N, C-alpha and C. Protein backbone atom coordinates (compact mmCIF):
# COMPACT_ATOMS: atom_id res chain seq x y z
N UNK A 1 -8.02 -0.26 13.14
CA UNK A 1 -7.09 -0.05 12.05
C UNK A 1 -7.82 -0.15 10.71
N UNK A 2 -8.80 -1.04 10.61
CA UNK A 2 -9.52 -1.20 9.34
C UNK A 2 -10.21 0.08 8.92
N UNK A 3 -10.81 0.80 9.88
CA UNK A 3 -11.50 2.05 9.54
C UNK A 3 -10.52 3.10 9.02
N UNK A 4 -9.34 3.17 9.62
CA UNK A 4 -8.32 4.10 9.15
C UNK A 4 -7.85 3.74 7.75
N UNK A 5 -7.64 2.46 7.49
CA UNK A 5 -7.25 2.02 6.15
C UNK A 5 -8.35 2.31 5.13
N UNK A 6 -9.61 2.13 5.51
CA UNK A 6 -10.72 2.44 4.61
C UNK A 6 -10.74 3.92 4.25
N UNK A 7 -10.35 4.78 5.19
CA UNK A 7 -10.34 6.23 4.93
C UNK A 7 -9.26 6.62 3.92
N UNK A 8 -8.32 5.71 3.65
CA UNK A 8 -7.25 5.96 2.69
C UNK A 8 -7.56 5.36 1.32
N UNK A 9 -8.83 5.06 1.06
CA UNK A 9 -9.23 4.45 -0.21
C UNK A 9 -8.69 5.25 -1.39
N UNK A 10 -8.12 4.53 -2.36
CA UNK A 10 -7.57 5.06 -3.60
C UNK A 10 -6.29 5.89 -3.40
N UNK A 11 -5.69 5.82 -2.22
CA UNK A 11 -4.40 6.48 -1.98
C UNK A 11 -3.30 5.43 -1.98
N UNK A 12 -2.11 5.85 -2.38
CA UNK A 12 -0.96 4.94 -2.40
C UNK A 12 -0.34 4.91 -1.01
N UNK A 13 -0.14 3.70 -0.49
CA UNK A 13 0.47 3.55 0.83
C UNK A 13 1.59 2.51 0.79
N UNK A 14 2.48 2.60 1.78
CA UNK A 14 3.50 1.60 2.04
C UNK A 14 3.08 0.85 3.29
N UNK A 15 3.12 -0.47 3.25
CA UNK A 15 2.71 -1.31 4.37
C UNK A 15 3.91 -2.14 4.80
N UNK A 16 4.22 -2.12 6.11
CA UNK A 16 5.34 -2.88 6.64
C UNK A 16 4.84 -3.95 7.60
N UNK A 17 5.57 -5.05 7.64
CA UNK A 17 5.22 -6.16 8.51
C UNK A 17 6.20 -6.29 9.67
N UNK A 18 6.96 -5.22 9.97
CA UNK A 18 7.86 -5.22 11.11
C UNK A 18 9.23 -5.77 10.84
N UNK A 19 9.47 -6.26 9.64
CA UNK A 19 10.81 -6.72 9.26
C UNK A 19 11.17 -5.99 7.97
N UNK A 20 11.88 -6.58 7.10
CA UNK A 20 12.28 -5.89 5.88
C UNK A 20 11.21 -5.95 4.79
N UNK A 21 10.12 -6.64 5.02
CA UNK A 21 9.06 -6.76 4.01
C UNK A 21 8.18 -5.51 4.01
N UNK A 22 8.14 -4.84 2.86
CA UNK A 22 7.29 -3.67 2.67
C UNK A 22 6.62 -3.81 1.31
N UNK A 23 5.32 -3.54 1.26
CA UNK A 23 4.61 -3.54 -0.01
C UNK A 23 4.00 -2.16 -0.23
N UNK A 24 3.88 -1.77 -1.51
CA UNK A 24 3.32 -0.47 -1.87
C UNK A 24 2.19 -0.71 -2.85
N UNK A 25 1.13 0.05 -2.68
CA UNK A 25 0.02 -0.04 -3.62
C UNK A 25 -1.08 0.93 -3.27
N UNK A 26 -2.05 1.05 -4.19
CA UNK A 26 -3.24 1.88 -3.95
C UNK A 26 -4.27 1.05 -3.20
N UNK A 27 -4.86 1.65 -2.18
CA UNK A 27 -5.85 0.97 -1.38
C UNK A 27 -7.11 0.75 -2.22
N UNK A 28 -7.44 -0.52 -2.46
CA UNK A 28 -8.62 -0.88 -3.23
C UNK A 28 -9.80 -1.18 -2.31
N UNK A 29 -9.50 -1.63 -1.10
CA UNK A 29 -10.58 -1.93 -0.15
C UNK A 29 -10.07 -2.64 1.08
N UNK A 30 -10.94 -2.67 2.09
CA UNK A 30 -10.65 -3.39 3.33
C UNK A 30 -11.93 -4.11 3.73
N UNK A 31 -11.82 -5.44 3.87
CA UNK A 31 -13.00 -6.22 4.21
C UNK A 31 -12.59 -7.53 4.87
N UNK A 32 -13.29 -7.89 5.93
CA UNK A 32 -13.07 -9.16 6.62
C UNK A 32 -11.62 -9.39 7.02
N UNK A 33 -10.95 -8.34 7.49
CA UNK A 33 -9.57 -8.48 7.95
C UNK A 33 -8.53 -8.50 6.86
N UNK A 34 -8.93 -8.23 5.60
CA UNK A 34 -7.98 -8.20 4.49
C UNK A 34 -7.93 -6.81 3.86
N UNK A 35 -6.73 -6.34 3.63
CA UNK A 35 -6.48 -5.10 2.90
C UNK A 35 -6.16 -5.47 1.46
N UNK A 36 -6.86 -4.85 0.51
CA UNK A 36 -6.59 -5.08 -0.92
C UNK A 36 -5.85 -3.88 -1.48
N UNK A 37 -4.71 -4.15 -2.11
CA UNK A 37 -3.90 -3.10 -2.73
C UNK A 37 -3.72 -3.43 -4.21
N UNK A 38 -3.67 -2.40 -5.04
CA UNK A 38 -3.31 -2.56 -6.45
C UNK A 38 -1.90 -2.03 -6.62
N UNK A 39 -0.96 -2.88 -7.08
CA UNK A 39 0.43 -2.45 -7.24
C UNK A 39 0.62 -1.71 -8.56
N UNK A 40 1.85 -1.28 -8.83
CA UNK A 40 2.15 -0.48 -10.02
C UNK A 40 1.92 -1.22 -11.32
N UNK A 41 1.96 -2.56 -11.29
CA UNK A 41 1.71 -3.36 -12.50
C UNK A 41 0.23 -3.73 -12.64
N UNK A 42 -0.60 -3.26 -11.72
CA UNK A 42 -2.02 -3.54 -11.78
C UNK A 42 -2.43 -4.86 -11.14
N UNK A 43 -1.51 -5.52 -10.46
CA UNK A 43 -1.84 -6.76 -9.77
C UNK A 43 -2.47 -6.46 -8.42
N UNK A 44 -3.40 -7.29 -8.01
CA UNK A 44 -4.06 -7.14 -6.72
C UNK A 44 -3.26 -7.88 -5.66
N UNK A 45 -2.98 -7.20 -4.55
CA UNK A 45 -2.25 -7.77 -3.42
C UNK A 45 -3.20 -7.80 -2.23
N UNK A 46 -3.23 -8.92 -1.52
CA UNK A 46 -4.07 -9.04 -0.32
C UNK A 46 -3.17 -9.16 0.90
N UNK A 47 -3.45 -8.35 1.91
CA UNK A 47 -2.63 -8.30 3.11
C UNK A 47 -3.53 -8.52 4.33
N UNK A 48 -3.12 -9.41 5.23
CA UNK A 48 -3.85 -9.61 6.49
C UNK A 48 -3.63 -8.40 7.39
N UNK A 49 -4.71 -7.72 7.74
CA UNK A 49 -4.62 -6.49 8.53
C UNK A 49 -3.93 -6.75 9.87
N UNK A 50 -4.18 -7.89 10.50
CA UNK A 50 -3.59 -8.16 11.81
C UNK A 50 -2.08 -8.42 11.75
N UNK A 51 -1.50 -8.55 10.56
CA UNK A 51 -0.05 -8.75 10.40
C UNK A 51 0.69 -7.45 10.14
N UNK A 52 -0.04 -6.35 9.95
CA UNK A 52 0.58 -5.06 9.63
C UNK A 52 1.22 -4.46 10.88
N UNK A 53 2.50 -4.11 10.79
CA UNK A 53 3.20 -3.44 11.89
C UNK A 53 2.94 -1.94 11.82
N UNK A 54 3.06 -1.36 10.60
CA UNK A 54 2.74 0.05 10.40
C UNK A 54 2.51 0.29 8.92
N UNK A 55 1.90 1.44 8.62
CA UNK A 55 1.70 1.86 7.23
C UNK A 55 1.76 3.37 7.17
N UNK A 56 2.06 3.89 5.99
CA UNK A 56 2.13 5.33 5.79
C UNK A 56 1.78 5.65 4.35
N UNK A 57 1.30 6.88 4.14
CA UNK A 57 1.02 7.31 2.78
C UNK A 57 2.34 7.44 2.03
N UNK A 58 2.38 6.88 0.83
CA UNK A 58 3.60 6.92 0.02
C UNK A 58 3.76 8.30 -0.60
N UNK A 59 4.99 8.72 -0.72
CA UNK A 59 5.30 10.00 -1.33
C UNK A 59 5.16 9.88 -2.84
N UNK A 60 4.38 10.76 -3.43
CA UNK A 60 4.20 10.75 -4.89
C UNK A 60 5.40 11.35 -5.61
N UNK A 61 6.22 12.09 -4.88
CA UNK A 61 7.35 12.77 -5.51
C UNK A 61 8.63 11.96 -5.47
N UNK A 62 8.51 10.66 -5.21
CA UNK A 62 9.68 9.80 -5.13
C UNK A 62 10.42 9.78 -6.47
N UNK A 63 11.70 10.00 -6.43
CA UNK A 63 12.54 9.98 -7.62
C UNK A 63 13.17 8.61 -7.77
N UNK A 64 13.09 8.05 -8.97
CA UNK A 64 13.71 6.77 -9.24
C UNK A 64 14.83 6.99 -10.25
N UNK A 65 15.94 6.29 -10.11
CA UNK A 65 17.02 6.44 -11.08
C UNK A 65 16.60 5.91 -12.45
N UNK A 66 17.11 6.54 -13.48
CA UNK A 66 16.81 6.08 -14.83
C UNK A 66 16.49 7.24 -15.77
N UNK A 67 15.89 6.92 -16.88
CA UNK A 67 15.59 7.92 -17.89
C UNK A 67 14.30 8.67 -17.54
N UNK A 68 14.23 9.90 -17.97
CA UNK A 68 13.03 10.72 -17.80
C UNK A 68 12.12 10.56 -19.00
N UNK A 69 10.83 10.46 -18.76
CA UNK A 69 9.86 10.43 -19.85
C UNK A 69 9.52 11.86 -20.24
N UNK A 70 9.46 12.14 -21.53
CA UNK A 70 9.13 13.50 -21.94
C UNK A 70 7.85 13.54 -22.74
């Protein structure tokens, strides 16, 4: 799994732990069983690879409710 996560370097992914917990971020790296993600606020998130139930590339076209930036 680590090699597959490494191949997604600098891509935005959603990571699930098999329950309602899901985190989203850009893959910053994978080393020693830890996945490093950068979230939308620029904070670094560390995830134990062996706790991941599944992950997928996040859709860049996701629409969020609110005002449009022009």
